Amino acid sequence: MRIGAGILLAALLLFGLPAAAFELAGNAVQGGMMIGRTAPGTPVTVDGKPVRVSPDGMFVFGFGRDHGESVILTVGNRVETIDVARRDYEIQRIDGLPPKMVTPPEDVLARIRRENAEIARVRALDTDASHFGQDWIWPSVGTVTGVFGSQRVLNGEPRRPHFGIDIAAPAGSDVVAPTDGVVRMAEADLYFTGGTVMLDHGHGVTSVYSHLSKVSVEVGRSVRQGEKIGEVGSTGRSTGAHLDWRVNWFTERLDPGLLAGPMPETR
């Protein structure tokens, strides 16, 4: 069976498994996340790779910025092809950055590699929490100045795409957890992202909050949705006060805007 791409897949009941088989909902589009439920203990794979299934039967997977046109989802003895909708991305030009932040000097490359390795370690975590299944909220309220997937041109030089959402807000304003989670990184000064917090929401879903002027949590602490984790700033590679918010499913970069919905006017 083939499931067409779309913004929301209705509950899909697959019969022939031990208890009414599974429900699947989410965004079948590049940058989207899908959440499923099946009978506890049912094995699930995505493109042949096993994914964690919680004791109550919940599982999750996502599609990166440049994901291909489909994935193969296997739940128990049923195999489905899910079509993934393509997106068109903007080109964003940012000028006025210090040259060392566009092309880092040789003497900081070792530091950058160490920091990137720690970020990759956190993104590889596969814990048993299922906080990703909550309704997400925005971690900061402000003007969206950078969107997911946009091709970045820094000081006139093409660079990697932007994998998050930039929210311009007053320096010092609160940044809160969009869902429950566990703090896995709390750094005051990373080279590119400055003050940085990473939260683990379970099953490989992590979120990142960058350029913070203040980090208000420590590694290992559990936080609840809406709890303060830091303050908006302009640390690292930044030209003004804003929050860079990112969400990942392991190595796949997801669009936070698809999770949180429209930006609220007030907290």
C-alpha atoms as a PDB file:
ATOM      1  CA  MET A   1       0.000   0.000   0.000  1.00  0.00           C
ATOM      2  CA  ARG A   2       1.188   3.544  -0.756  1.00  0.00           C
ATOM      3  CA  ILE A   3       0.334   6.537   1.434  1.00  0.00           C
ATOM      4  CA  GLY A   4       0.278   9.902  -0.335  1.00  0.00           C
ATOM      5  CA  ALA A   5       2.214  12.891   0.945  1.00  0.00           C
ATOM      6  CA  GLY A   6       0.266  15.508   2.854  1.00  0.00           C
ATOM      7  CA  ILE A   7       0.224  17.897   5.765  1.00  0.00           C
ATOM      8  CA  LEU A   8      -1.790  15.560   7.993  1.00  0.00           C
ATOM      9  CA  LEU A   9      -2.302  11.843   7.583  1.00  0.00           C
ATOM     10  CA  ALA A  10      -5.513  10.655   9.194  1.00  0.00           C
ATOM     11  CA  ALA A  11      -5.391   7.687  11.535  1.00  0.00           C
ATOM     12  CA  LEU A  12      -4.552   4.594   9.509  1.00  0.00           C
ATOM     13  CA  LEU A  13      -5.869   1.333  10.901  1.00  0.00           C
ATOM     14  CA  LEU A  14      -3.986  -1.706   9.692  1.00  0.00           C
ATOM     15  CA  PHE A  15      -5.808  -4.930  10.346  1.00  0.00           C
ATOM     16  CA  GLY A  16      -4.210  -8.349  10.608  1.00  0.00           C
ATOM     17  CA  LEU A  17      -2.003  -7.481  13.588  1.00  0.00           C
ATOM     18  CA  PRO A  18      -2.716  -8.631  17.154  1.00  0.00           C
ATOM     19  CA  ALA A  19      -4.740  -5.571  18.448  1.00  0.00           C
ATOM     20  CA  ALA A  20      -6.009  -2.907  16.035  1.00  0.00           C
ATOM     21  CA  ALA A  21      -2.756  -2.204  14.349  1.00  0.00           C
ATOM     22  CA  PHE A  22      -1.557   1.386  14.113  1.00  0.00           C
ATOM     23  CA  GLU A  23      -2.365   5.066  13.848  1.00  0.00           C
ATOM     24  CA  LEU A  24      -0.079   7.475  12.043  1.00  0.00           C
ATOM     25  CA  ALA A  25      -0.284  11.276  12.012  1.00  0.00           C
ATOM     26  CA  GLY A  26       2.005  14.196  11.238  1.00  0.00           C
ATOM     27  CA  ASN A  27       3.626  16.003   8.328  1.00  0.00           C
ATOM     28  CA  ALA A  28       4.712  13.841   5.396  1.00  0.00           C
ATOM     29  CA  VAL A  29       6.862  16.618   3.947  1.00  0.00           C
ATOM     30  CA  GLN A  30      10.544  17.545   3.977  1.00  0.00           C
ATOM     31  CA  GLY A  31      11.249  18.795   7.521  1.00  0.00           C
ATOM     32  CA  GLY A  32       8.172  17.018   8.909  1.00  0.00           C
ATOM     33  CA  MET A  33       7.768  14.603  11.815  1.00  0.00           C
ATOM     34  CA  MET A  34       5.440  11.601  12.009  1.00  0.00           C
ATOM     35  CA  ILE A  35       4.137  10.036  15.230  1.00  0.00           C
ATOM     36  CA  GLY A  36       2.631   6.580  15.272  1.00  0.00           C
ATOM     37  CA  ARG A  37       0.957   4.225  17.738  1.00  0.00           C
ATOM     38  CA  THR A  38       0.767   0.474  17.459  1.00  0.00           C
ATOM     39  CA  ALA A  39       0.249  -2.537  19.697  1.00  0.00           C
ATOM     40  CA  PRO A  40       2.965  -2.631  22.400  1.00  0.00           C
ATOM     41  CA  GLY A  41       5.817  -4.898  21.397  1.00  0.00           C
ATOM     42  CA  THR A  42       5.198  -4.575  17.648  1.00  0.00           C
ATOM     43  CA  PRO A  43       8.491  -4.130  15.739  1.00  0.00           C
ATOM     44  CA  VAL A  44       8.740  -0.986  13.580  1.00  0.00           C
ATOM     45  CA  THR A  45      11.342  -0.089  10.949  1.00  0.00           C
ATOM     46  CA  VAL A  46      11.854   2.920   8.681  1.00  0.00           C
ATOM     47  CA  ASP A  47      13.739   2.121   5.481  1.00  0.00           C
ATOM     48  CA  GLY A  48      14.834  -1.102   7.138  1.00  0.00           C
ATOM     49  CA  LYS A  49      16.225   0.514  10.295  1.00  0.00           C
ATOM     50  CA  PRO A  50      14.531  -0.359  13.619  1.00  0.00           C
ATOM     51  CA  VAL A  51      12.981   2.523  15.559  1.00  0.00           C
ATOM     52  CA  ARG A  52      12.142   2.561  19.247  1.00  0.00           C
ATOM     53  CA  VAL A  53       8.591   1.685  20.256  1.00  0.00           C
ATOM     54  CA  SER A  54       7.515   2.853  23.724  1.00  0.00           C
ATOM     55  CA  PRO A  55       5.787   0.515  26.205  1.00  0.00           C
ATOM     56  CA  ASP A  56       2.441   2.026  25.167  1.00  0.00           C
ATOM     57  CA  GLY A  57       3.197   1.546  21.457  1.00  0.00           C
ATOM     58  CA  MET A  58       4.324   5.073  20.447  1.00  0.00           C
ATOM     59  CA  PHE A  59       7.019   5.631  17.812  1.00  0.00           C
ATOM     60  CA  VAL A  60       8.356   8.590  15.824  1.00  0.00           C
ATOM     61  CA  PHE A  61      10.384   9.346  12.702  1.00  0.00           C
ATOM     62  CA  GLY A  62      11.131  12.393  10.584  1.00  0.00           C
ATOM     63  CA  PHE A  63      12.238  13.705   7.197  1.00  0.00           C
ATOM     64  CA  GLY A  64      15.212  16.039   6.743  1.00  0.00           C
ATOM     65  CA  ARG A  65      15.420  19.183   4.603  1.00  0.00           C
ATOM     66  CA  ASP A  66      16.456  17.318   1.452  1.00  0.00           C
ATOM     67  CA  HIS A  67      14.798  13.978   2.121  1.00  0.00           C
ATOM     68  CA  GLY A  68      13.994  11.777  -0.833  1.00  0.00           C
ATOM     69  CA  GLU A  69      10.542  11.207  -2.276  1.00  0.00           C
ATOM     70  CA  SER A  70       9.468   8.319  -0.022  1.00  0.00           C
ATOM     71  CA  VAL A  71      10.226   6.016   2.909  1.00  0.00           C
ATOM     72  CA  ILE A  72       9.299   2.409   3.572  1.00  0.00           C
ATOM     73  CA  LEU A  73       7.541   1.964   6.909  1.00  0.00           C
ATOM     74  CA  THR A  74       7.178  -1.547   8.298  1.00  0.00           C
ATOM     75  CA  VAL A  75       4.920  -2.163  11.300  1.00  0.00           C
ATOM     76  CA  GLY A  76       4.733  -5.800  12.311  1.00  0.00           C
ATOM     77  CA  ASN A  77       3.916  -7.724   9.139  1.00  0.00           C
ATOM     78  CA  ARG A  78       2.608  -4.734   7.196  1.00  0.00           C
ATOM     79  CA  VAL A  79       4.727  -2.680   4.769  1.00  0.00           C
ATOM     80  CA  GLU A  80       3.734   0.830   3.657  1.00  0.00           C
ATOM     81  CA  THR A  81       5.338   3.351   1.309  1.00  0.00           C
ATOM     82  CA  ILE A  82       4.960   6.935   2.531  1.00  0.00           C
ATOM     83  CA  ASP A  83       5.369   9.667  -0.068  1.00  0.00           C
ATOM     84  CA  VAL A  84       7.299  12.720   1.183  1.00  0.00           C
ATOM     85  CA  ALA A  85       6.314  16.089  -0.300  1.00  0.00           C
ATOM     86  CA  ARG A  86       9.107  18.313  -1.598  1.00  0.00           C
ATOM     87  CA  ARG A  87       9.494  21.953  -0.565  1.00  0.00           C
ATOM     88  CA  ASP A  88      10.912  25.077  -2.174  1.00  0.00           C
ATOM     89  CA  TYR A  89      13.351  26.983   0.030  1.00  0.00           C
ATOM     90  CA  GLU A  90      14.219  30.658   0.256  1.00  0.00           C
ATOM     91  CA  ILE A  91      17.645  32.231  -0.211  1.00  0.00           C
ATOM     92  CA  GLN A  92      18.673  34.376   2.771  1.00  0.00           C
ATOM     93  CA  ARG A  93      21.578  36.828   2.610  1.00  0.00           C
ATOM     94  CA  ILE A  94      23.274  37.917   5.830  1.00  0.00           C
ATOM     95  CA  ASP A  95      25.962  40.574   5.697  1.00  0.00           C
ATOM     96  CA  GLY A  96      28.065  42.272   8.354  1.00  0.00           C
ATOM     97  CA  LEU A  97      29.366  39.125  10.039  1.00  0.00           C
ATOM     98  CA  PRO A  98      32.981  39.174  11.314  1.00  0.00           C
ATOM     99  CA  PRO A  99      35.090  37.368   8.691  1.00  0.00           C
ATOM    100  CA  LYS A 100      36.302  34.818  11.289  1.00  0.00           C
ATOM    101  CA  MET A 101      32.698  33.707  11.794  1.00  0.00           C
ATOM    102  CA  VAL A 102      32.215  33.018   8.066  1.00  0.00           C
ATOM    103  CA  THR A 103      35.596  31.336   7.520  1.00  0.00           C
ATOM    104  CA  PRO A 104      37.035  30.312  10.904  1.00  0.00           C
ATOM    105  CA  PRO A 105      40.808  30.722  11.354  1.00  0.00           C
ATOM    106  CA  GLU A 106      42.957  27.629  11.646  1.00  0.00           C
ATOM    107  CA  ASP A 107      43.560  28.084  15.380  1.00  0.00           C
ATOM    108  CA  VAL A 108      39.879  27.505  16.263  1.00  0.00           C
ATOM    109  CA  LEU A 109      39.211  24.495  14.033  1.00  0.00           C
ATOM    110  CA  ALA A 110      40.085  21.990  16.755  1.00  0.00           C
ATOM    111  CA  ARG A 111      37.655  23.715  19.107  1.00  0.00           C
ATOM    112  CA  ILE A 112      34.906  23.635  16.482  1.00  0.00           C
ATOM    113  CA  ARG A 113      35.474  19.920  15.871  1.00  0.00           C
ATOM    114  CA  ARG A 114      35.236  19.176  19.607  1.00  0.00           C
ATOM    115  CA  GLU A 115      32.029  21.162  19.938  1.00  0.00           C
ATOM    116  CA  ASN A 116      30.487  19.571  16.849  1.00  0.00           C
ATOM    117  CA  ALA A 117      31.365  16.107  18.152  1.00  0.00           C
ATOM    118  CA  GLU A 118      29.537  16.805  21.424  1.00  0.00           C
ATOM    119  CA  ILE A 119      26.485  18.110  19.547  1.00  0.00           C
ATOM    120  CA  ALA A 120      26.505  14.957  17.383  1.00  0.00           C
ATOM    121  CA  ARG A 121      26.732  12.797  20.521  1.00  0.00           C
ATOM    122  CA  VAL A 122      23.593  14.403  21.952  1.00  0.00           C
ATOM    123  CA  ARG A 123      21.720  14.064  18.649  1.00  0.00           C
ATOM    124  CA  ALA A 124      22.526  10.332  18.598  1.00  0.00           C
ATOM    125  CA  LEU A 125      20.802   9.679  21.959  1.00  0.00           C
ATOM    126  CA  ASP A 126      17.900   7.216  21.825  1.00  0.00           C
ATOM    127  CA  THR A 127      16.190   7.424  25.216  1.00  0.00           C
ATOM    128  CA  ASP A 128      12.843   5.965  26.247  1.00  0.00           C
ATOM    129  CA  ALA A 129      10.994   9.234  27.005  1.00  0.00           C
ATOM    130  CA  SER A 130       8.104  10.174  24.718  1.00  0.00           C
ATOM    131  CA  HIS A 131       7.847  13.930  25.354  1.00  0.00           C
ATOM    132  CA  PHE A 132       7.905  14.532  21.591  1.00  0.00           C
ATOM    133  CA  GLY A 133       4.245  13.467  21.582  1.00  0.00           C
ATOM    134  CA  GLN A 134       3.105  16.604  23.422  1.00  0.00           C
ATOM    135  CA  ASP A 135       1.581  19.593  21.622  1.00  0.00           C
ATOM    136  CA  TRP A 136       4.635  21.830  21.073  1.00  0.00           C
ATOM    137  CA  ILE A 137       4.711  25.531  21.974  1.00  0.00           C
ATOM    138  CA  TRP A 138       7.041  28.293  20.787  1.00  0.00           C
ATOM    139  CA  PRO A 139      10.108  28.725  23.037  1.00  0.00           C
ATOM    140  CA  SER A 140      10.168  32.476  22.407  1.00  0.00           C
ATOM    141  CA  VAL A 141       7.693  34.985  21.030  1.00  0.00           C
ATOM    142  CA  GLY A 142       8.886  37.510  18.458  1.00  0.00           C
ATOM    143  CA  THR A 143       9.408  38.146  14.768  1.00  0.00           C
ATOM    144  CA  VAL A 144      10.507  35.223  12.601  1.00  0.00           C
ATOM    145  CA  THR A 145      13.560  36.487  10.694  1.00  0.00           C
ATOM    146  CA  GLY A 146      14.933  33.187   9.421  1.00  0.00           C
ATOM    147  CA  VAL A 147      13.025  30.122   8.292  1.00  0.00           C
ATOM    148  CA  PHE A 148      13.839  26.443   8.089  1.00  0.00           C
ATOM    149  CA  GLY A 149      15.690  25.273   5.014  1.00  0.00           C
ATOM    150  CA  SER A 150      16.711  28.633   3.596  1.00  0.00           C
ATOM    151  CA  GLN A 151      19.989  28.696   1.690  1.00  0.00           C
ATOM    152  CA  ARG A 152      22.377  30.977   3.588  1.00  0.00           C
ATOM    153  CA  VAL A 153      24.690  33.440   1.828  1.00  0.00           C
ATOM    154  CA  LEU A 154      27.021  34.922   4.469  1.00  0.00           C
ATOM    155  CA  ASN A 155      28.927  38.077   3.570  1.00  0.00           C
ATOM    156  CA  GLY A 156      28.303  37.165  -0.059  1.00  0.00           C
ATOM    157  CA  GLU A 157      29.602  33.579   0.288  1.00  0.00           C
ATOM    158  CA  PRO A 158      27.202  30.589  -0.067  1.00  0.00           C
ATOM    159  CA  ARG A 159      27.154  28.438   3.058  1.00  0.00           C
ATOM    160  CA  ARG A 160      25.117  25.562   4.492  1.00  0.00           C
ATOM    161  CA  PRO A 161      21.324  25.917   4.638  1.00  0.00           C
ATOM    162  CA  HIS A 162      19.677  27.128   7.813  1.00  0.00           C
ATOM    163  CA  PHE A 163      18.250  24.184   9.722  1.00  0.00           C
ATOM    164  CA  GLY A 164      16.152  26.092  12.253  1.00  0.00           C
ATOM    165  CA  ILE A 165      13.942  29.097  12.837  1.00  0.00           C
ATOM    166  CA  ASP A 166      15.329  32.491  13.906  1.00  0.00           C
ATOM    167  CA  ILE A 167      13.100  34.448  16.279  1.00  0.00           C
ATOM    168  CA  ALA A 168      14.038  38.101  16.859  1.00  0.00           C
ATOM    169  CA  ALA A 169      13.161  39.112  20.429  1.00  0.00           C
ATOM    170  CA  PRO A 170      14.492  41.577  23.014  1.00  0.00           C
ATOM    171  CA  ALA A 171      17.795  40.605  24.598  1.00  0.00           C
ATOM    172  CA  GLY A 172      17.182  39.043  27.985  1.00  0.00           C
ATOM    173  CA  SER A 173      13.671  37.811  27.223  1.00  0.00           C
ATOM    174  CA  ASP A 174      12.822  34.303  28.375  1.00  0.00           C
ATOM    175  CA  VAL A 175      13.390  31.148  26.338  1.00  0.00           C
ATOM    176  CA  VAL A 176      11.235  28.246  27.531  1.00  0.00           C
ATOM    177  CA  ALA A 177      11.038  24.519  26.837  1.00  0.00           C
ATOM    178  CA  PRO A 178       8.516  23.766  24.035  1.00  0.00           C
ATOM    179  CA  THR A 179       7.795  20.310  25.500  1.00  0.00           C
ATOM    180  CA  ASP A 180       9.030  18.353  28.494  1.00  0.00           C
ATOM    181  CA  GLY A 181      12.610  17.167  28.153  1.00  0.00           C
ATOM    182  CA  VAL A 182      15.974  16.491  29.763  1.00  0.00           C
ATOM    183  CA  VAL A 183      18.879  18.935  29.422  1.00  0.00           C
ATOM    184  CA  ARG A 184      21.730  17.220  27.574  1.00  0.00           C
ATOM    185  CA  MET A 185      23.852  20.305  26.808  1.00  0.00           C
ATOM    186  CA  ALA A 186      24.132  23.626  28.634  1.00  0.00           C
ATOM    187  CA  GLU A 187      27.082  25.639  27.314  1.00  0.00           C
ATOM    188  CA  ALA A 188      27.685  29.364  27.747  1.00  0.00           C
ATOM    189  CA  ASP A 189      30.044  29.878  24.803  1.00  0.00           C
ATOM    190  CA  LEU A 190      30.213  27.625  21.762  1.00  0.00           C
ATOM    191  CA  TYR A 191      32.086  29.087  18.790  1.00  0.00           C
ATOM    192  CA  PHE A 192      29.200  29.339  16.316  1.00  0.00           C
ATOM    193  CA  THR A 193      26.132  29.190  18.560  1.00  0.00           C
ATOM    194  CA  GLY A 194      27.315  30.956  21.717  1.00  0.00           C
ATOM    195  CA  GLY A 195      25.104  30.172  24.701  1.00  0.00           C
ATOM    196  CA  THR A 196      23.521  26.828  23.760  1.00  0.00           C
ATOM    197  CA  VAL A 197      21.021  24.443  25.349  1.00  0.00           C
ATOM    198  CA  MET A 198      20.039  21.037  23.955  1.00  0.00           C
ATOM    199  CA  LEU A 199      16.980  19.138  25.195  1.00  0.00           C
ATOM    200  CA  ASP A 200      16.278  15.423  24.783  1.00  0.00           C
ATOM    201  CA  HIS A 201      12.590  14.647  24.126  1.00  0.00           C
ATOM    202  CA  GLY A 202      13.061  10.906  23.614  1.00  0.00           C
ATOM    203  CA  HIS A 203      13.346   8.401  20.738  1.00  0.00           C
ATOM    204  CA  GLY A 204      16.062  10.489  19.018  1.00  0.00           C
ATOM    205  CA  VAL A 205      14.116  13.778  19.041  1.00  0.00           C
ATOM    206  CA  THR A 206      16.261  16.647  20.343  1.00  0.00           C
ATOM    207  CA  SER A 207      15.950  20.426  20.224  1.00  0.00           C
ATOM    208  CA  VAL A 208      18.584  23.179  20.228  1.00  0.00           C
ATOM    209  CA  TYR A 209      18.461  26.807  21.481  1.00  0.00           C
ATOM    210  CA  SER A 210      21.341  29.028  20.386  1.00  0.00           C
ATOM    211  CA  HIS A 211      22.856  32.517  20.834  1.00  0.00           C
ATOM    212  CA  LEU A 212      21.576  32.706  24.425  1.00  0.00           C
ATOM    213  CA  SER A 213      22.797  35.535  26.650  1.00  0.00           C
ATOM    214  CA  LYS A 214      22.127  33.358  29.700  1.00  0.00           C
ATOM    215  CA  VAL A 215      21.819  29.606  30.218  1.00  0.00           C
ATOM    216  CA  SER A 216      19.401  28.908  33.089  1.00  0.00           C
ATOM    217  CA  VAL A 217      19.622  25.101  33.350  1.00  0.00           C
ATOM    218  CA  GLU A 218      22.261  22.445  33.887  1.00  0.00           C
ATOM    219  CA  VAL A 219      22.949  19.104  32.225  1.00  0.00           C
ATOM    220  CA  GLY A 220      20.826  16.252  33.551  1.00  0.00           C
ATOM    221  CA  ARG A 221      17.939  18.395  34.742  1.00  0.00           C
ATOM    222  CA  SER A 222      14.395  17.508  33.688  1.00  0.00           C
ATOM    223  CA  VAL A 223      12.335  20.483  32.511  1.00  0.00           C
ATOM    224  CA  ARG A 224       8.622  20.875  31.951  1.00  0.00           C
ATOM    225  CA  GLN A 225       6.927  22.506  28.999  1.00  0.00           C
ATOM    226  CA  GLY A 226       6.983  26.300  29.475  1.00  0.00           C
ATOM    227  CA  GLU A 227       9.845  26.231  31.994  1.00  0.00           C
ATOM    228  CA  LYS A 228      12.593  28.814  31.451  1.00  0.00           C
ATOM    229  CA  ILE A 229      15.832  27.387  30.065  1.00  0.00           C
ATOM    230  CA  GLY A 230      17.668  30.583  29.092  1.00  0.00           C
ATOM    231  CA  GLU A 231      17.480  34.138  27.792  1.00  0.00           C
ATOM    232  CA  VAL A 232      17.615  35.566  24.267  1.00  0.00           C
ATOM    233  CA  GLY A 233      20.984  37.006  23.275  1.00  0.00           C
ATOM    234  CA  SER A 234      23.417  37.576  20.428  1.00  0.00           C
ATOM    235  CA  THR A 235      26.324  35.303  21.301  1.00  0.00           C
ATOM    236  CA  GLY A 236      28.325  33.235  18.810  1.00  0.00           C
ATOM    237  CA  ARG A 237      27.773  33.895  15.084  1.00  0.00           C
ATOM    238  CA  SER A 238      25.015  36.476  15.350  1.00  0.00           C
ATOM    239  CA  THR A 239      24.248  40.001  14.160  1.00  0.00           C
ATOM    240  CA  GLY A 240      21.517  40.823  16.693  1.00  0.00           C
ATOM    241  CA  ALA A 241      19.424  39.525  19.560  1.00  0.00           C
ATOM    242  CA  HIS A 242      17.490  36.440  18.499  1.00  0.00           C
ATOM    243  CA  LEU A 243      16.847  32.779  19.252  1.00  0.00           C
ATOM    244  CA  ASP A 244      17.880  30.099  16.766  1.00  0.00           C
ATOM    245  CA  TRP A 245      15.579  27.128  17.472  1.00  0.00           C
ATOM    246  CA  ARG A 246      16.217  23.733  15.883  1.00  0.00           C
ATOM    247  CA  VAL A 247      14.690  20.265  16.146  1.00  0.00           C
ATOM    248  CA  ASN A 248      16.282  16.976  15.083  1.00  0.00           C
ATOM    249  CA  TRP A 249      15.357  13.339  14.760  1.00  0.00           C
ATOM    250  CA  PHE A 250      18.836  11.823  14.998  1.00  0.00           C
ATOM    251  CA  THR A 251      20.622  13.156  11.866  1.00  0.00           C
ATOM    252  CA  GLU A 252      17.426  14.381  10.204  1.00  0.00           C
ATOM    253  CA  ARG A 253      16.823  18.148  10.563  1.00  0.00           C
ATOM    254  CA  LEU A 254      13.164  18.944  11.231  1.00  0.00           C
ATOM    255  CA  ASP A 255      11.171  22.163  10.836  1.00  0.00           C
ATOM    256  CA  PRO A 256      10.146  23.491  14.282  1.00  0.00           C
ATOM    257  CA  GLY A 257       7.405  25.588  12.690  1.00  0.00           C
ATOM    258  CA  LEU A 258       5.558  22.437  11.610  1.00  0.00           C
ATOM    259  CA  LEU A 259       5.440  21.354  15.267  1.00  0.00           C
ATOM    260  CA  ALA A 260       4.485  24.597  16.988  1.00  0.00           C
ATOM    261  CA  GLY A 261       1.974  26.085  14.527  1.00  0.00           C
ATOM    262  CA  PRO A 262       1.431  29.841  14.116  1.00  0.00           C
ATOM    263  CA  MET A 263       3.495  32.233  16.235  1.00  0.00           C
ATOM    264  CA  PRO A 264       1.385  33.504  19.177  1.00  0.00           C
ATOM    265  CA  GLU A 265       1.020  37.223  19.758  1.00  0.00           C
ATOM    266  CA  THR A 266       1.678  36.914  23.506  1.00  0.00           C
ATOM    267  CA  ARG A 267       2.975  34.220  25.844  1.00  0.00           C
END
